[in-house]
Amino acid sequence: QVQLVESGGGLVQAGGSLRLSCAASGRTFSSYALGWFRQAPGKEREFVAAIRSGGSTYYADSMKGRFAISRDNAKNTVYLQMNSLNPEDTAVYYCAARKVGTTFENGSWGQGTQVTVSS
């Protein structure tokens, strides 16, 4: 398992942008699929975006066109670029990693970073 540490959260005005980072430990980072999830107060955790080891990306419908996930295997880091933020994007954002053939739920998780979007 890898260990994950998120950073880059904060307070931003509606319409603004943030870039989240998630640094991972471990020498096999490049073989993991990586994902971003979020949980807003009083709501269940939801999928945001994922990127496979080969680089293919997937997004929740509501994030398409606004968010972009990327990875830098040389830096053991996955990023989430978030644009056109709105107050509904306020949540704790978590990164997760999974091995091939497993699920994110059974993978490694970071402790989360708070994103707050003011109106």
PDB file of N, CA and C in Angstrom:
ATOM      1  N   GLN A   1       0.833  -1.183   0.000  1.00  0.00           N
ATOM      2  CA  GLN A   1       0.000   0.000   0.000  1.00  0.00           C
ATOM      3  C   GLN A   1       0.876   1.243   0.000  1.00  0.00           C
ATOM      4  N   VAL A   2       0.366   2.292  -0.620  1.00  0.00           N
ATOM      5  CA  VAL A   2       1.059   3.568  -0.586  1.00  0.00           C
ATOM      6  C   VAL A   2       0.435   4.447   0.483  1.00  0.00           C
ATOM      7  N   GLN A   3       1.193   5.410   0.925  1.00  0.00           N
ATOM      8  CA  GLN A   3       0.669   6.428   1.840  1.00  0.00           C
ATOM      9  C   GLN A   3       0.484   7.716   1.054  1.00  0.00           C
ATOM     10  N   LEU A   4      -0.625   8.392   1.320  1.00  0.00           N
ATOM     11  CA  LEU A   4      -1.021   9.547   0.526  1.00  0.00           C
ATOM     12  C   LEU A   4      -1.204  10.774   1.410  1.00  0.00           C
ATOM     13  N   VAL A   5      -0.734  11.914   0.938  1.00  0.00           N
ATOM     14  CA  VAL A   5      -0.888  13.169   1.675  1.00  0.00           C
ATOM     15  C   VAL A   5      -1.361  14.239   0.701  1.00  0.00           C
ATOM     16  N   GLU A   6      -2.563  14.760   0.966  1.00  0.00           N
ATOM     17  CA  GLU A   6      -3.121  15.806   0.111  1.00  0.00           C
ATOM     18  C   GLU A   6      -2.685  17.194   0.574  1.00  0.00           C
ATOM     19  N   SER A   7      -2.685  18.115  -0.360  1.00  0.00           N
ATOM     20  CA  SER A   7      -2.412  19.519  -0.045  1.00  0.00           C
ATOM     21  C   SER A   7      -3.055  20.391  -1.112  1.00  0.00           C
ATOM     22  N   GLY A   8      -3.111  21.681  -0.832  1.00  0.00           N
ATOM     23  CA  GLY A   8      -3.609  22.626  -1.829  1.00  0.00           C
ATOM     24  C   GLY A   8      -5.013  23.129  -1.605  1.00  0.00           C
ATOM     25  N   GLY A   9      -5.687  22.591  -0.590  1.00  0.00           N
ATOM     26  CA  GLY A   9      -7.027  23.084  -0.311  1.00  0.00           C
ATOM     27  C   GLY A   9      -6.987  24.481   0.280  1.00  0.00           C
ATOM     28  N   GLY A  10      -8.163  25.065   0.411  1.00  0.00           N
ATOM     29  CA  GLY A  10      -8.244  26.398   0.987  1.00  0.00           C
ATOM     30  C   GLY A  10      -9.557  27.057   0.677  1.00  0.00           C
ATOM     31  N   LEU A  11      -9.590  28.352   0.891  1.00  0.00           N
ATOM     32  CA  LEU A  11     -10.789  29.163   0.656  1.00  0.00           C
ATOM     33  C   LEU A  11     -10.627  29.918  -0.662  1.00  0.00           C
ATOM     34  N   VAL A  12     -11.643  29.830  -1.498  1.00  0.00           N
ATOM     35  CA  VAL A  12     -11.605  30.495  -2.797  1.00  0.00           C
ATOM     36  C   VAL A  12     -12.987  31.054  -3.092  1.00  0.00           C
ATOM     37  N   GLN A  13     -13.033  32.134  -3.827  1.00  0.00           N
ATOM     38  CA  GLN A  13     -14.318  32.709  -4.221  1.00  0.00           C
ATOM     39  C   GLN A  13     -14.905  31.937  -5.391  1.00  0.00           C
ATOM     40  N   ALA A  14     -16.211  31.999  -5.493  1.00  0.00           N
ATOM     41  CA  ALA A  14     -16.901  31.359  -6.610  1.00  0.00           C
ATOM     42  C   ALA A  14     -16.320  31.868  -7.925  1.00  0.00           C
ATOM     43  N   GLY A  15     -16.128  30.945  -8.845  1.00  0.00           N
ATOM     44  CA  GLY A  15     -15.519  31.266 -10.126  1.00  0.00           C
ATOM     45  C   GLY A  15     -14.020  31.094 -10.149  1.00  0.00           C
ATOM     46  N   GLY A  16     -13.440  30.896  -8.983  1.00  0.00           N
ATOM     47  CA  GLY A  16     -11.994  30.769  -8.883  1.00  0.00           C
ATOM     48  C   GLY A  16     -11.515  29.359  -9.154  1.00  0.00           C
ATOM     49  N   SER A  17     -10.210  29.171  -8.963  1.00  0.00           N
ATOM     50  CA  SER A  17      -9.560  27.893  -9.237  1.00  0.00           C
ATOM     51  C   SER A  17      -8.664  27.479  -8.082  1.00  0.00           C
ATOM     52  N   LEU A  18      -8.470  26.196  -7.969  1.00  0.00           N
ATOM     53  CA  LEU A  18      -7.510  25.621  -7.030  1.00  0.00           C
ATOM     54  C   LEU A  18      -6.887  24.403  -7.679  1.00  0.00           C
ATOM     55  N   ARG A  19      -5.660  24.105  -7.279  1.00  0.00           N
ATOM     56  CA  ARG A  19      -5.040  22.860  -7.698  1.00  0.00           C
ATOM     57  C   ARG A  19      -4.663  22.065  -6.459  1.00  0.00           C
ATOM     58  N   LEU A  20      -5.240  20.898  -6.362  1.00  0.00           N
ATOM     59  CA  LEU A  20      -4.912  19.995  -5.261  1.00  0.00           C
ATOM     60  C   LEU A  20      -3.783  19.068  -5.693  1.00  0.00           C
ATOM     61  N   SER A  21      -2.960  18.724  -4.719  1.00  0.00           N
ATOM     62  CA  SER A  21      -1.879  17.776  -4.953  1.00  0.00           C
ATOM     63  C   SER A  21      -2.004  16.631  -3.961  1.00  0.00           C
ATOM     64  N   CYS A  22      -1.534  15.495  -4.372  1.00  0.00           N
ATOM     65  CA  CYS A  22      -1.510  14.325  -3.486  1.00  0.00           C
ATOM     66  C   CYS A  22      -0.186  13.612  -3.708  1.00  0.00           C
ATOM     67  N   ALA A  23       0.653  13.660  -2.700  1.00  0.00           N
ATOM     68  CA  ALA A  23       1.965  13.027  -2.777  1.00  0.00           C
ATOM     69  C   ALA A  23       1.893  11.634  -2.183  1.00  0.00           C
ATOM     70  N   ALA A  24       2.522  10.695  -2.863  1.00  0.00           N
ATOM     71  CA  ALA A  24       2.463   9.300  -2.442  1.00  0.00           C
ATOM     72  C   ALA A  24       3.847   8.762  -2.137  1.00  0.00           C
ATOM     73  N   SER A  25       3.889   7.856  -1.205  1.00  0.00           N
ATOM     74  CA  SER A  25       5.122   7.139  -0.929  1.00  0.00           C
ATOM     75  C   SER A  25       5.118   5.853  -1.741  1.00  0.00           C
ATOM     76  N   GLY A  26       6.253   5.185  -1.794  1.00  0.00           N
ATOM     77  CA  GLY A  26       6.280   3.896  -2.464  1.00  0.00           C
ATOM     78  C   GLY A  26       6.912   3.938  -3.835  1.00  0.00           C
ATOM     79  N   ARG A  27       7.566   2.848  -4.178  1.00  0.00           N
ATOM     80  CA  ARG A  27       8.297   2.783  -5.437  1.00  0.00           C
ATOM     81  C   ARG A  27       7.446   2.296  -6.596  1.00  0.00           C
ATOM     82  N   THR A  28       6.219   1.857  -6.320  1.00  0.00           N
ATOM     83  CA  THR A  28       5.377   1.317  -7.383  1.00  0.00           C
ATOM     84  C   THR A  28       4.219   2.254  -7.705  1.00  0.00           C
ATOM     85  N   PHE A  29       4.409   3.530  -7.442  1.00  0.00           N
ATOM     86  CA  PHE A  29       3.354   4.517  -7.654  1.00  0.00           C
ATOM     87  C   PHE A  29       2.795   4.438  -9.061  1.00  0.00           C
ATOM     88  N   SER A  30       3.637   4.275 -10.036  1.00  0.00           N
ATOM     89  CA  SER A  30       3.201   4.327 -11.435  1.00  0.00           C
ATOM     90  C   SER A  30       2.235   3.209 -11.794  1.00  0.00           C
ATOM     91  N   SER A  31       2.199   2.159 -11.000  1.00  0.00           N
ATOM     92  CA  SER A  31       1.327   1.031 -11.304  1.00  0.00           C
ATOM     93  C   SER A  31      -0.072   1.181 -10.719  1.00  0.00           C
ATOM     94  N   TYR A  32      -0.268   2.202  -9.910  1.00  0.00           N
ATOM     95  CA  TYR A  32      -1.554   2.407  -9.248  1.00  0.00           C
ATOM     96  C   TYR A  32      -2.487   3.277 -10.085  1.00  0.00           C
ATOM     97  N   ALA A  33      -3.755   2.971 -10.009  1.00  0.00           N
ATOM     98  CA  ALA A  33      -4.775   3.919 -10.448  1.00  0.00           C
ATOM     99  C   ALA A  33      -5.018   4.882  -9.282  1.00  0.00           C
ATOM    100  N   LEU A  34      -5.257   6.130  -9.610  1.00  0.00           N
ATOM    101  CA  LEU A  34      -5.407   7.167  -8.588  1.00  0.00           C
ATOM    102  C   LEU A  34      -6.729   7.883  -8.776  1.00  0.00           C
ATOM    103  N   GLY A  35      -7.311   8.278  -7.686  1.00  0.00           N
ATOM    104  CA  GLY A  35      -8.599   8.945  -7.784  1.00  0.00           C
ATOM    105  C   GLY A  35      -8.749  10.065  -6.783  1.00  0.00           C
ATOM    106  N   TRP A  36      -9.678  10.940  -7.092  1.00  0.00           N
ATOM    107  CA  TRP A  36     -10.088  11.989  -6.165  1.00  0.00           C
ATOM    108  C   TRP A  36     -11.571  11.787  -5.839  1.00  0.00           C
ATOM    109  N   PHE A  37     -11.877  11.933  -4.575  1.00  0.00           N
ATOM    110  CA  PHE A  37     -13.239  11.849  -4.082  1.00  0.00           C
ATOM    111  C   PHE A  37     -13.473  13.062  -3.195  1.00  0.00           C
ATOM    112  N   ARG A  38     -14.740  13.319  -2.908  1.00  0.00           N
ATOM    113  CA  ARG A  38     -15.020  14.431  -2.004  1.00  0.00           C
ATOM    114  C   ARG A  38     -16.232  14.095  -1.148  1.00  0.00           C
ATOM    115  N   GLN A  39     -16.281  14.761  -0.001  1.00  0.00           N
ATOM    116  CA  GLN A  39     -17.417  14.586   0.900  1.00  0.00           C
ATOM    117  C   GLN A  39     -17.796  15.933   1.470  1.00  0.00           C
ATOM    118  N   ALA A  40     -19.000  16.347   1.161  1.00  0.00           N
ATOM    119  CA  ALA A  40     -19.528  17.591   1.685  1.00  0.00           C
ATOM    120  C   ALA A  40     -20.244  17.317   3.005  1.00  0.00           C
ATOM    121  N   PRO A  41     -20.399  18.333   3.854  1.00  0.00           N
ATOM    122  CA  PRO A  41     -21.080  18.135   5.135  1.00  0.00           C
ATOM    123  C   PRO A  41     -22.475  17.551   4.948  1.00  0.00           C
ATOM    124  N   GLY A  42     -22.749  16.488   5.681  1.00  0.00           N
ATOM    125  CA  GLY A  42     -24.068  15.876   5.631  1.00  0.00           C
ATOM    126  C   GLY A  42     -24.347  15.046   4.396  1.00  0.00           C
ATOM    127  N   LYS A  43     -23.334  14.865   3.567  1.00  0.00           N
ATOM    128  CA  LYS A  43     -23.525  14.096   2.333  1.00  0.00           C
ATOM    129  C   LYS A  43     -22.562  12.913   2.291  1.00  0.00           C
ATOM    130  N   GLU A  44     -22.894  11.970   1.431  1.00  0.00           N
ATOM    131  CA  GLU A  44     -22.021  10.827   1.262  1.00  0.00           C
ATOM    132  C   GLU A  44     -20.810  11.206   0.402  1.00  0.00           C
ATOM    133  N   ARG A  45     -19.767  10.443   0.555  1.00  0.00           N
ATOM    134  CA  ARG A  45     -18.583  10.644  -0.270  1.00  0.00           C
ATOM    135  C   ARG A  45     -18.931  10.352  -1.722  1.00  0.00           C
ATOM    136  N   GLU A  46     -18.418  11.175  -2.630  1.00  0.00           N
ATOM    137  CA  GLU A  46     -18.706  10.961  -4.041  1.00  0.00           C
ATOM    138  C   GLU A  46     -17.432  10.977  -4.870  1.00  0.00           C
ATOM    139  N   PHE A  47     -17.495  10.261  -5.963  1.00  0.00           N
ATOM    140  CA  PHE A  47     -16.386  10.189  -6.900  1.00  0.00           C
ATOM    141  C   PHE A  47     -16.250  11.501  -7.649  1.00  0.00           C
ATOM    142  N   VAL A  48     -14.991  11.918  -7.848  1.00  0.00           N
ATOM    143  CA  VAL A  48     -14.719  13.133  -8.604  1.00  0.00           C
ATOM    144  C   VAL A  48     -14.029  12.801  -9.930  1.00  0.00           C
ATOM    145  N   ALA A  49     -12.892  12.135  -9.839  1.00  0.00           N
ATOM    146  CA  ALA A  49     -12.116  11.840 -11.045  1.00  0.00           C
ATOM    147  C   ALA A  49     -11.120  10.736 -10.737  1.00  0.00           C
ATOM    148  N   ALA A  50     -10.665  10.066 -11.782  1.00  0.00           N
ATOM    149  CA  ALA A  50      -9.659   9.024 -11.628  1.00  0.00           C
ATOM    150  C   ALA A  50      -8.749   8.991 -12.843  1.00  0.00           C
ATOM    151  N   ILE A  51      -7.565   8.477 -12.615  1.00  0.00           N
ATOM    152  CA  ILE A  51      -6.604   8.324 -13.709  1.00  0.00           C
ATOM    153  C   ILE A  51      -5.908   6.979 -13.550  1.00  0.00           C
ATOM    154  N   ARG A  52      -5.904   6.223 -14.615  1.00  0.00           N
ATOM    155  CA  ARG A  52      -5.291   4.902 -14.570  1.00  0.00           C
ATOM    156  C   ARG A  52      -3.779   4.996 -14.737  1.00  0.00           C
ATOM    157  N   SER A  53      -3.119   3.879 -14.530  1.00  0.00           N
ATOM    158  CA  SER A  53      -1.667   3.866 -14.661  1.00  0.00           C
ATOM    159  C   SER A  53      -1.238   4.240 -16.072  1.00  0.00           C
ATOM    160  N   GLY A  54      -2.073   3.911 -17.055  1.00  0.00           N
ATOM    161  CA  GLY A  54      -1.742   4.234 -18.435  1.00  0.00           C
ATOM    162  C   GLY A  54      -2.067   5.650 -18.831  1.00  0.00           C
ATOM    163  N   GLY A  55      -2.749   6.375 -17.941  1.00  0.00           N
ATOM    164  CA  GLY A  55      -3.033   7.784 -18.194  1.00  0.00           C
ATOM    165  C   GLY A  55      -4.459   8.096 -18.591  1.00  0.00           C
ATOM    166  N   SER A  56      -5.290   7.096 -18.827  1.00  0.00           N
ATOM    167  CA  SER A  56      -6.681   7.376 -19.174  1.00  0.00           C
ATOM    168  C   SER A  56      -7.401   7.948 -17.966  1.00  0.00           C
ATOM    169  N   THR A  57      -8.298   8.896 -18.234  1.00  0.00           N
ATOM    170  CA  THR A  57      -8.953   9.628 -17.161  1.00  0.00           C
ATOM    171  C   THR A  57     -10.466   9.442 -17.196  1.00  0.00           C
ATOM    172  N   TYR A  58     -11.085   9.608 -16.037  1.00  0.00           N
ATOM    173  CA  TYR A  58     -12.522   9.462 -15.884  1.00  0.00           C
ATOM    174  C   TYR A  58     -13.007  10.533 -14.918  1.00  0.00           C
ATOM    175  N   TYR A  59     -14.199  11.057 -15.200  1.00  0.00           N
ATOM    176  CA  TYR A  59     -14.750  12.129 -14.387  1.00  0.00           C
ATOM    177  C   TYR A  59     -16.208  11.876 -14.063  1.00  0.00           C
ATOM    178  N   ALA A  60     -16.626  12.367 -12.916  1.00  0.00           N
ATOM    179  CA  ALA A  60     -18.045  12.462 -12.642  1.00  0.00           C
ATOM    180  C   ALA A  60     -18.629  13.499 -13.594  1.00  0.00           C
ATOM    181  N   ASP A  61     -19.864  13.275 -13.994  1.00  0.00           N
ATOM    182  CA  ASP A  61     -20.473  14.144 -15.013  1.00  0.00           C
ATOM    183  C   ASP A  61     -20.433  15.613 -14.611  1.00  0.00           C
ATOM    184  N   SER A  62     -20.677  15.890 -13.346  1.00  0.00           N
ATOM    185  CA  SER A  62     -20.762  17.289 -12.918  1.00  0.00           C
ATOM    186  C   SER A  62     -19.392  17.986 -12.906  1.00  0.00           C
ATOM    187  N   MET A  63     -18.312  17.212 -13.022  1.00  0.00           N
ATOM    188  CA  MET A  63     -16.975  17.790 -13.001  1.00  0.00           C
ATOM    189  C   MET A  63     -16.360  17.900 -14.391  1.00  0.00           C
ATOM    190  N   LYS A  64     -16.961  17.251 -15.361  1.00  0.00           N
ATOM    191  CA  LYS A  64     -16.398  17.282 -16.700  1.00  0.00           C
ATOM    192  C   LYS A  64     -16.325  18.710 -17.219  1.00  0.00           C
ATOM    193  N   GLY A  65     -15.188  19.047 -17.773  1.00  0.00           N
ATOM    194  CA  GLY A  65     -14.996  20.379 -18.318  1.00  0.00           C
ATOM    195  C   GLY A  65     -14.530  21.413 -17.302  1.00  0.00           C
ATOM    196  N   ARG A  66     -14.668  21.109 -16.019  1.00  0.00           N
ATOM    197  CA  ARG A  66     -14.226  22.042 -14.975  1.00  0.00           C
ATOM    198  C   ARG A  66     -12.999  21.539 -14.252  1.00  0.00           C
ATOM    199  N   PHE A  67     -12.928  20.223 -14.039  1.00  0.00           N
ATOM    200  CA  PHE A  67     -11.845  19.622 -13.281  1.00  0.00           C
ATOM    201  C   PHE A  67     -10.949  18.813 -14.214  1.00  0.00           C
ATOM    202  N   ALA A  68      -9.682  18.728 -13.863  1.00  0.00           N
ATOM    203  CA  ALA A  68      -8.741  17.922 -14.644  1.00  0.00           C
ATOM    204  C   ALA A  68      -7.804  17.189 -13.702  1.00  0.00           C
ATOM    205  N   ILE A  69      -7.730  15.886 -13.872  1.00  0.00           N
ATOM    206  CA  ILE A  69      -6.821  15.069 -13.069  1.00  0.00           C
ATOM    207  C   ILE A  69      -5.587  14.767 -13.903  1.00  0.00           C
ATOM    208  N   SER A  70      -4.451  14.756 -13.259  1.00  0.00           N
ATOM    209  CA  SER A  70      -3.204  14.418 -13.934  1.00  0.00           C
ATOM    210  C   SER A  70      -2.264  13.771 -12.925  1.00  0.00           C
ATOM    211  N   ARG A  71      -1.213  13.166 -13.441  1.00  0.00           N
ATOM    212  CA  ARG A  71      -0.256  12.516 -12.547  1.00  0.00           C
ATOM    213  C   ARG A  71       1.146  12.755 -13.066  1.00  0.00           C
ATOM    214  N   ASP A  72       2.082  12.808 -12.133  1.00  0.00           N
ATOM    215  CA  ASP A  72       3.498  12.909 -12.449  1.00  0.00           C
ATOM    216  C   ASP A  72       4.176  11.760 -11.740  1.00  0.00           C
ATOM    217  N   ASN A  73       4.432  10.700 -12.454  1.00  0.00           N
ATOM    218  CA  ASN A  73       5.011   9.508 -11.816  1.00  0.00           C
ATOM    219  C   ASN A  73       6.422   9.759 -11.305  1.00  0.00           C
ATOM    220  N   ALA A  74       7.135  10.674 -11.917  1.00  0.00           N
ATOM    221  CA  ALA A  74       8.488  10.984 -11.455  1.00  0.00           C
ATOM    222  C   ALA A  74       8.463  11.639 -10.075  1.00  0.00           C
ATOM    223  N   LYS A  75       7.356  12.330  -9.789  1.00  0.00           N
ATOM    224  CA  LYS A  75       7.225  13.004  -8.496  1.00  0.00           C
ATOM    225  C   LYS A  75       6.288  12.261  -7.549  1.00  0.00           C
ATOM    226  N   ASN A  76       5.791  11.096  -7.978  1.00  0.00           N
ATOM    227  CA  ASN A  76       4.839  10.343  -7.149  1.00  0.00           C
ATOM    228  C   ASN A  76       3.679  11.223  -6.697  1.00  0.00           C
ATOM    229  N   THR A  77       3.142  11.985  -7.611  1.00  0.00           N
ATOM    230  CA  THR A  77       2.116  12.953  -7.252  1.00  0.00           C
ATOM    231  C   THR A  77       0.969  12.919  -8.264  1.00  0.00           C
ATOM    232  N   VAL A  78      -0.233  13.052  -7.747  1.00  0.00           N
ATOM    233  CA  VAL A  78      -1.427  13.207  -8.570  1.00  0.00           C
ATOM    234  C   VAL A  78      -2.035  14.568  -8.265  1.00  0.00           C
ATOM    235  N   TYR A  79      -2.577  15.193  -9.283  1.00  0.00           N
ATOM    236  CA  TYR A  79      -3.114  16.542  -9.151  1.00  0.00           C
ATOM    237  C   TYR A  79      -4.588  16.569  -9.534  1.00  0.00           C
ATOM    238  N   LEU A  80      -5.275  17.552  -8.995  1.00  0.00           N
ATOM    239  CA  LEU A  80      -6.638  17.842  -9.419  1.00  0.00           C
ATOM    240  C   LEU A  80      -6.739  19.352  -9.631  1.00  0.00           C
ATOM    241  N   GLN A  81      -6.807  19.754 -10.870  1.00  0.00           N
ATOM    242  CA  GLN A  81      -7.012  21.157 -11.201  1.00  0.00           C
ATOM    243  C   GLN A  81      -8.508  21.422 -11.233  1.00  0.00           C
ATOM    244  N   MET A  82      -8.944  22.378 -10.432  1.00  0.00           N
ATOM    245  CA  MET A  82     -10.372  22.675 -10.322  1.00  0.00           C
ATOM    246  C   MET A  82     -10.606  24.122 -10.754  1.00  0.00           C
ATOM    247  N   ASN A  83     -11.425  24.288 -11.758  1.00  0.00           N
ATOM    248  CA  ASN A  83     -11.749  25.601 -12.291  1.00  0.00           C
ATOM    249  C   ASN A  83     -13.243  25.882 -12.159  1.00  0.00           C
ATOM    250  N   SER A  84     -13.596  27.143 -12.289  1.00  0.00           N
ATOM    251  CA  SER A  84     -15.012  27.553 -12.225  1.00  0.00           C
ATOM    252  C   SER A  84     -15.699  26.975 -10.996  1.00  0.00           C
ATOM    253  N   LEU A  85     -15.050  27.116  -9.877  1.00  0.00           N
ATOM    254  CA  LEU A  85     -15.586  26.555  -8.639  1.00  0.00           C
ATOM    255  C   LEU A  85     -16.847  27.277  -8.207  1.00  0.00           C
ATOM    256  N   ASN A  86     -17.738  26.544  -7.612  1.00  0.00           N
ATOM    257  CA  ASN A  86     -18.951  27.122  -7.061  1.00  0.00           C
ATOM    258  C   ASN A  86     -19.149  26.604  -5.636  1.00  0.00           C
ATOM    259  N   PRO A  87     -20.028  27.230  -4.877  1.00  0.00           N
ATOM    260  CA  PRO A  87     -20.189  26.820  -3.467  1.00  0.00           C
ATOM    261  C   PRO A  87     -20.545  25.344  -3.294  1.00  0.00           C
ATOM    262  N   GLU A  88     -21.178  24.739  -4.288  1.00  0.00           N
ATOM    263  CA  GLU A  88     -21.513  23.314  -4.190  1.00  0.00           C
ATOM    264  C   GLU A  88     -20.280  22.409  -4.252  1.00  0.00           C
ATOM    265  N   ASP A  89     -19.152  22.971  -4.619  1.00  0.00           N
ATOM    266  CA  ASP A  89     -17.903  22.207  -4.631  1.00  0.00           C
ATOM    267  C   ASP A  89     -17.231  22.179  -3.260  1.00  0.00           C
ATOM    268  N   THR A  90     -17.798  22.889  -2.293  1.00  0.00           N
ATOM    269  CA  THR A  90     -17.241  22.884  -0.948  1.00  0.00           C
ATOM    270  C   THR A  90     -17.316  21.484  -0.357  1.00  0.00           C
ATOM    271  N   ALA A  91     -16.172  20.970   0.069  1.00  0.00           N
ATOM    272  CA  ALA A  91     -16.104  19.597   0.581  1.00  0.00           C
ATOM    273  C   ALA A  91     -14.685  19.326   1.060  1.00  0.00           C
ATOM    274  N   VAL A  92     -14.537  18.199   1.730  1.00  0.00           N
ATOM    275  CA  VAL A  92     -13.208  17.658   1.978  1.00  0.00           C
ATOM    276  C   VAL A  92     -12.873  16.758   0.795  1.00  0.00           C
ATOM    277  N   TYR A  93     -11.729  16.997   0.197  1.00  0.00           N
ATOM    278  CA  TYR A  93     -11.296  16.243  -0.972  1.00  0.00           C
ATOM    279  C   TYR A  93     -10.237  15.228  -0.558  1.00  0.00           C
ATOM    280  N   TYR A  94     -10.442  14.002  -1.000  1.00  0.00           N
ATOM    281  CA  TYR A  94      -9.548  12.905  -0.657  1.00  0.00           C
ATOM    282  C   TYR A  94      -8.938  12.320  -1.927  1.00  0.00           C
ATOM    283  N   CYS A  95      -7.688  11.951  -1.843  1.00  0.00           N
ATOM    284  CA  CYS A  95      -7.133  11.151  -2.928  1.00  0.00           C
ATOM    285  C   CYS A  95      -7.051   9.700  -2.480  1.00  0.00           C
ATOM    286  N   ALA A  96      -7.079   8.815  -3.447  1.00  0.00           N
ATOM    287  CA  ALA A  96      -7.062   7.387  -3.176  1.00  0.00           C
ATOM    288  C   ALA A  96      -6.246   6.689  -4.245  1.00  0.00           C
ATOM    289  N   ALA A  97      -5.724   5.543  -3.880  1.00  0.00           N
ATOM    290  CA  ALA A  97      -4.926   4.753  -4.813  1.00  0.00           C
ATOM    291  C   ALA A  97      -5.362   3.304  -4.739  1.00  0.00           C
ATOM    292  N   ARG A  98      -5.391   2.654  -5.873  1.00  0.00           N
ATOM    293  CA  ARG A  98      -5.748   1.244  -5.897  1.00  0.00           C
ATOM    294  C   ARG A  98      -4.847   0.500  -6.878  1.00  0.00           C
ATOM    295  N   LYS A  99      -4.623  -0.756  -6.570  1.00  0.00           N
ATOM    296  CA  LYS A  99      -3.875  -1.614  -7.480  1.00  0.00           C
ATOM    297  C   LYS A  99      -4.824  -2.149  -8.544  1.00  0.00           C
ATOM    298  N   VAL A 100      -4.265  -2.618  -9.633  1.00  0.00           N
ATOM    299  CA  VAL A 100      -5.067  -3.207 -10.703  1.00  0.00           C
ATOM    300  C   VAL A 100      -5.887  -4.354 -10.142  1.00  0.00           C
ATOM    301  N   GLY A 101      -7.168  -4.389 -10.504  1.00  0.00           N
ATOM    302  CA  GLY A 101      -8.023  -5.474 -10.082  1.00  0.00           C
ATOM    303  C   GLY A 101      -8.645  -5.295  -8.713  1.00  0.00           C
ATOM    304  N   THR A 102      -8.383  -4.153  -8.084  1.00  0.00           N
ATOM    305  CA  THR A 102      -8.974  -3.883  -6.772  1.00  0.00           C
ATOM    306  C   THR A 102      -9.841  -2.630  -6.861  1.00  0.00           C
ATOM    307  N   THR A 103     -10.442  -2.275  -5.768  1.00  0.00           N
ATOM    308  CA  THR A 103     -11.300  -1.090  -5.743  1.00  0.00           C
ATOM    309  C   THR A 103     -10.661   0.004  -4.910  1.00  0.00           C
ATOM    310  N   PHE A 104     -11.080   1.235  -5.164  1.00  0.00           N
ATOM    311  CA  PHE A 104     -10.600   2.340  -4.334  1.00  0.00           C
ATOM    312  C   PHE A 104     -11.006   2.141  -2.882  1.00  0.00           C
ATOM    313  N   GLU A 105     -12.204   1.613  -2.665  1.00  0.00           N
ATOM    314  CA  GLU A 105     -12.675   1.424  -1.295  1.00  0.00           C
ATOM    315  C   GLU A 105     -11.710   0.560  -0.494  1.00  0.00           C
ATOM    316  N   ASN A 106     -11.064  -0.373  -1.145  1.00  0.00           N
ATOM    317  CA  ASN A 106     -10.127  -1.267  -0.475  1.00  0.00           C
ATOM    318  C   ASN A 106      -8.678  -0.820  -0.635  1.00  0.00           C
ATOM    319  N   GLY A 107      -8.486   0.382  -1.185  1.00  0.00           N
ATOM    320  CA  GLY A 107      -7.128   0.856  -1.425  1.00  0.00           C
ATOM    321  C   GLY A 107      -6.624   1.773  -0.331  1.00  0.00           C
ATOM    322  N   SER A 108      -5.705   2.638  -0.706  1.00  0.00           N
ATOM    323  CA  SER A 108      -5.111   3.587   0.227  1.00  0.00           C
ATOM    324  C   SER A 108      -5.789   4.937   0.089  1.00  0.00           C
ATOM    325  N   TRP A 109      -5.927   5.629   1.219  1.00  0.00           N
ATOM    326  CA  TRP A 109      -6.598   6.926   1.244  1.00  0.00           C
ATOM    327  C   TRP A 109      -5.763   7.929   2.002  1.00  0.00           C
ATOM    328  N   GLY A 110      -5.822   9.176   1.545  1.00  0.00           N
ATOM    329  CA  GLY A 110      -5.239  10.255   2.301  1.00  0.00           C
ATOM    330  C   GLY A 110      -6.206  10.750   3.359  1.00  0.00           C
ATOM    331  N   GLN A 111      -5.754  11.731   4.125  1.00  0.00           N
ATOM    332  CA  GLN A 111      -6.583  12.251   5.209  1.00  0.00           C
ATOM    333  C   GLN A 111      -7.496  13.387   4.764  1.00  0.00           C
ATOM    334  N   GLY A 112      -7.314  13.867   3.559  1.00  0.00           N
ATOM    335  CA  GLY A 112      -8.218  14.867   3.015  1.00  0.00           C
ATOM    336  C   GLY A 112      -7.707  16.282   3.156  1.00  0.00           C
ATOM    337  N   THR A 113      -8.200  17.131   2.275  1.00  0.00           N
ATOM    338  CA  THR A 113      -7.899  18.559   2.336  1.00  0.00           C
ATOM    339  C   THR A 113      -9.199  19.331   2.098  1.00  0.00           C
ATOM    340  N   GLN A 114      -9.422  20.341   2.917  1.00  0.00           N
ATOM    341  CA  GLN A 114     -10.679  21.088   2.865  1.00  0.00           C
ATOM    342  C   GLN A 114     -10.658  22.121   1.735  1.00  0.00           C
ATOM    343  N   VAL A 115     -11.722  22.116   0.965  1.00  0.00           N
ATOM    344  CA  VAL A 115     -11.923  23.147  -0.057  1.00  0.00           C
ATOM    345  C   VAL A 115     -13.222  23.869   0.278  1.00  0.00           C
ATOM    346  N   THR A 116     -13.143  25.173   0.415  1.00  0.00           N
ATOM    347  CA  THR A 116     -14.315  25.978   0.715  1.00  0.00           C
ATOM    348  C   THR A 116     -14.464  27.049  -0.352  1.00  0.00           C
ATOM    349  N   VAL A 117     -15.625  27.076  -0.986  1.00  0.00           N
ATOM    350  CA  VAL A 117     -15.898  28.051  -2.038  1.00  0.00           C
ATOM    351  C   VAL A 117     -16.953  29.019  -1.531  1.00  0.00           C
ATOM    352  N   SER A 118     -16.593  30.267  -1.468  1.00  0.00           N
ATOM    353  CA  SER A 118     -17.530  31.286  -0.973  1.00  0.00           C
ATOM    354  C   SER A 118     -18.281  31.922  -2.137  1.00  0.00           C
ATOM    355  N   SER A 119     -19.507  32.308  -1.853  1.00  0.00           N
ATOM    356  CA  SER A 119     -20.348  32.916  -2.901  1.00  0.00           C
ATOM    357  C   SER A 119     -20.166  34.415  -2.973  1.00  0.00           C
TER     358      SER A 119
END
